[in-house]
Amino acid sequence: MEAGSPKVRRRFTAGIRILDMHLRLNVDQVDTLDTFHDSTLQGGALSFDWVLPRTGAPMTFRFVEPPSYAPIARGRLWTATLKLEVLQ
């Protein structure tokens, strides 16, 4: 313990995994996502199940922060950025 590399160990058995997702949405889909976050998930307080797009695996997520948006095509298309925590 007095010499050599420092001792390191895990503090938790399950690590926190954060995903940054980017979705291309039209105006109606932006409204749907806002309603889902604000009403259905009570402002992001509740978790939700979704299939991970890259792997197709079903997982449980929660919003770390509300979705943010950036316009792509003169306000007709938007990029939605979602910061999600994997719960399962």
C-alpha atoms as a PDB file:
ATOM      1  CA  MET A   1       0.000   0.000   0.000  1.00  0.00           C
ATOM      2  CA  GLU A   2       2.894   2.393   0.624  1.00  0.00           C
ATOM      3  CA  ALA A   3       4.526   1.880  -2.781  1.00  0.00           C
ATOM      4  CA  GLY A   4       3.361   1.144  -6.290  1.00  0.00           C
ATOM      5  CA  SER A   5       0.258   2.171  -8.121  1.00  0.00           C
ATOM      6  CA  PRO A   6      -2.709   3.441  -6.100  1.00  0.00           C
ATOM      7  CA  LYS A   7      -5.433   1.006  -5.103  1.00  0.00           C
ATOM      8  CA  VAL A   8      -8.688   1.596  -6.952  1.00  0.00           C
ATOM      9  CA  ARG A   9     -12.012  -0.150  -6.512  1.00  0.00           C
ATOM     10  CA  ARG A  10     -15.547   0.299  -7.688  1.00  0.00           C
ATOM     11  CA  ARG A  11     -17.818   2.210  -5.379  1.00  0.00           C
ATOM     12  CA  PHE A  12     -20.994   0.842  -6.919  1.00  0.00           C
ATOM     13  CA  THR A  13     -21.836  -2.375  -8.740  1.00  0.00           C
ATOM     14  CA  ALA A  14     -23.980  -0.637 -11.354  1.00  0.00           C
ATOM     15  CA  GLY A  15     -22.379   2.311 -13.088  1.00  0.00           C
ATOM     16  CA  ILE A  16     -24.387   5.253 -14.345  1.00  0.00           C
ATOM     17  CA  ARG A  17     -24.672   5.288 -18.119  1.00  0.00           C
ATOM     18  CA  ILE A  18     -25.670   8.551 -19.803  1.00  0.00           C
ATOM     19  CA  LEU A  19     -26.632   8.643 -23.483  1.00  0.00           C
ATOM     20  CA  ASP A  20     -26.803  11.754 -25.643  1.00  0.00           C
ATOM     21  CA  MET A  21     -29.347  11.118 -28.380  1.00  0.00           C
ATOM     22  CA  HIS A  22     -29.990  13.332 -31.389  1.00  0.00           C
ATOM     23  CA  LEU A  23     -33.265  13.041 -33.277  1.00  0.00           C
ATOM     24  CA  ARG A  24     -34.375  14.838 -36.436  1.00  0.00           C
ATOM     25  CA  LEU A  25     -38.014  15.878 -35.920  1.00  0.00           C
ATOM     26  CA  ASN A  26     -40.691  17.882 -37.695  1.00  0.00           C
ATOM     27  CA  VAL A  27     -42.781  20.496 -35.863  1.00  0.00           C
ATOM     28  CA  ASP A  28     -45.542  18.027 -34.903  1.00  0.00           C
ATOM     29  CA  GLN A  29     -42.986  15.564 -33.520  1.00  0.00           C
ATOM     30  CA  VAL A  30     -41.378  18.345 -31.441  1.00  0.00           C
ATOM     31  CA  ASP A  31     -44.798  19.076 -29.913  1.00  0.00           C
ATOM     32  CA  THR A  32     -45.316  15.363 -29.218  1.00  0.00           C
ATOM     33  CA  LEU A  33     -41.913  15.074 -27.522  1.00  0.00           C
ATOM     34  CA  ASP A  34     -42.605  18.146 -25.382  1.00  0.00           C
ATOM     35  CA  THR A  35     -45.978  16.732 -24.317  1.00  0.00           C
ATOM     36  CA  PHE A  36     -44.371  13.355 -23.558  1.00  0.00           C
ATOM     37  CA  HIS A  37     -41.685  14.964 -21.369  1.00  0.00           C
ATOM     38  CA  ASP A  38     -43.832  17.614 -19.667  1.00  0.00           C
ATOM     39  CA  SER A  39     -47.141  15.780 -19.176  1.00  0.00           C
ATOM     40  CA  THR A  40     -46.711  12.029 -19.576  1.00  0.00           C
ATOM     41  CA  LEU A  41     -43.415  11.873 -17.669  1.00  0.00           C
ATOM     42  CA  GLN A  42     -44.367  14.712 -15.302  1.00  0.00           C
ATOM     43  CA  GLY A  43     -41.496  16.960 -16.335  1.00  0.00           C
ATOM     44  CA  GLY A  44     -39.020  14.099 -16.592  1.00  0.00           C
ATOM     45  CA  ALA A  45     -39.704  12.721 -13.096  1.00  0.00           C
ATOM     46  CA  LEU A  46     -40.884   9.329 -14.414  1.00  0.00           C
ATOM     47  CA  SER A  47     -38.952   6.731 -16.370  1.00  0.00           C
ATOM     48  CA  PHE A  48     -39.967   5.232 -19.713  1.00  0.00           C
ATOM     49  CA  ASP A  49     -39.226   2.158 -21.803  1.00  0.00           C
ATOM     50  CA  TRP A  50     -37.711   2.541 -25.254  1.00  0.00           C
ATOM     51  CA  VAL A  51     -35.838   0.365 -27.725  1.00  0.00           C
ATOM     52  CA  LEU A  52     -32.227   1.480 -28.078  1.00  0.00           C
ATOM     53  CA  PRO A  53     -31.938   2.477 -31.759  1.00  0.00           C
ATOM     54  CA  ARG A  54     -28.371   1.227 -32.265  1.00  0.00           C
ATOM     55  CA  THR A  55     -28.841  -2.272 -30.807  1.00  0.00           C
ATOM     56  CA  GLY A  56     -32.600  -2.817 -30.820  1.00  0.00           C
ATOM     57  CA  ALA A  57     -32.460  -3.756 -27.122  1.00  0.00           C
ATOM     58  CA  PRO A  58     -35.418  -2.670 -24.948  1.00  0.00           C
ATOM     59  CA  MET A  59     -34.263  -0.492 -22.027  1.00  0.00           C
ATOM     60  CA  THR A  60     -35.624   1.793 -19.336  1.00  0.00           C
ATOM     61  CA  PHE A  61     -34.558   5.443 -19.427  1.00  0.00           C
ATOM     62  CA  ARG A  62     -35.131   8.702 -17.624  1.00  0.00           C
ATOM     63  CA  PHE A  63     -34.487  12.255 -18.785  1.00  0.00           C
ATOM     64  CA  VAL A  64     -31.452  13.836 -17.117  1.00  0.00           C
ATOM     65  CA  GLU A  65     -32.530  17.242 -18.448  1.00  0.00           C
ATOM     66  CA  PRO A  66     -35.359  18.489 -20.682  1.00  0.00           C
ATOM     67  CA  PRO A  67     -34.950  18.061 -24.447  1.00  0.00           C
ATOM     68  CA  SER A  68     -33.250  20.920 -26.301  1.00  0.00           C
ATOM     69  CA  TYR A  69     -33.867  21.873 -29.915  1.00  0.00           C
ATOM     70  CA  ALA A  70     -31.947  23.458 -32.791  1.00  0.00           C
ATOM     71  CA  PRO A  71     -33.530  24.385 -36.140  1.00  0.00           C
ATOM     72  CA  ILE A  72     -32.332  22.608 -39.283  1.00  0.00           C
ATOM     73  CA  ALA A  73     -34.515  23.661 -42.201  1.00  0.00           C
ATOM     74  CA  ARG A  74     -35.982  27.121 -41.607  1.00  0.00           C
ATOM     75  CA  GLY A  75     -38.073  25.969 -38.673  1.00  0.00           C
ATOM     76  CA  ARG A  76     -39.643  22.997 -40.456  1.00  0.00           C
ATOM     77  CA  LEU A  77     -37.133  20.439 -39.168  1.00  0.00           C
ATOM     78  CA  TRP A  78     -35.429  20.409 -35.797  1.00  0.00           C
ATOM     79  CA  THR A  79     -32.638  18.476 -34.129  1.00  0.00           C
ATOM     80  CA  ALA A  80     -33.739  17.363 -30.674  1.00  0.00           C
ATOM     81  CA  THR A  81     -30.969  16.572 -28.200  1.00  0.00           C
ATOM     82  CA  LEU A  82     -31.937  14.164 -25.427  1.00  0.00           C
ATOM     83  CA  LYS A  83     -29.748  13.476 -22.421  1.00  0.00           C
ATOM     84  CA  LEU A  84     -30.941  10.141 -21.042  1.00  0.00           C
ATOM     85  CA  GLU A  85     -29.840   7.935 -18.176  1.00  0.00           C
ATOM     86  CA  VAL A  86     -30.058   4.183 -18.674  1.00  0.00           C
ATOM     87  CA  LEU A  87     -31.838   2.644 -15.692  1.00  0.00           C
ATOM     88  CA  GLN A  88     -31.791  -0.984 -16.798  1.00  0.00           C
END
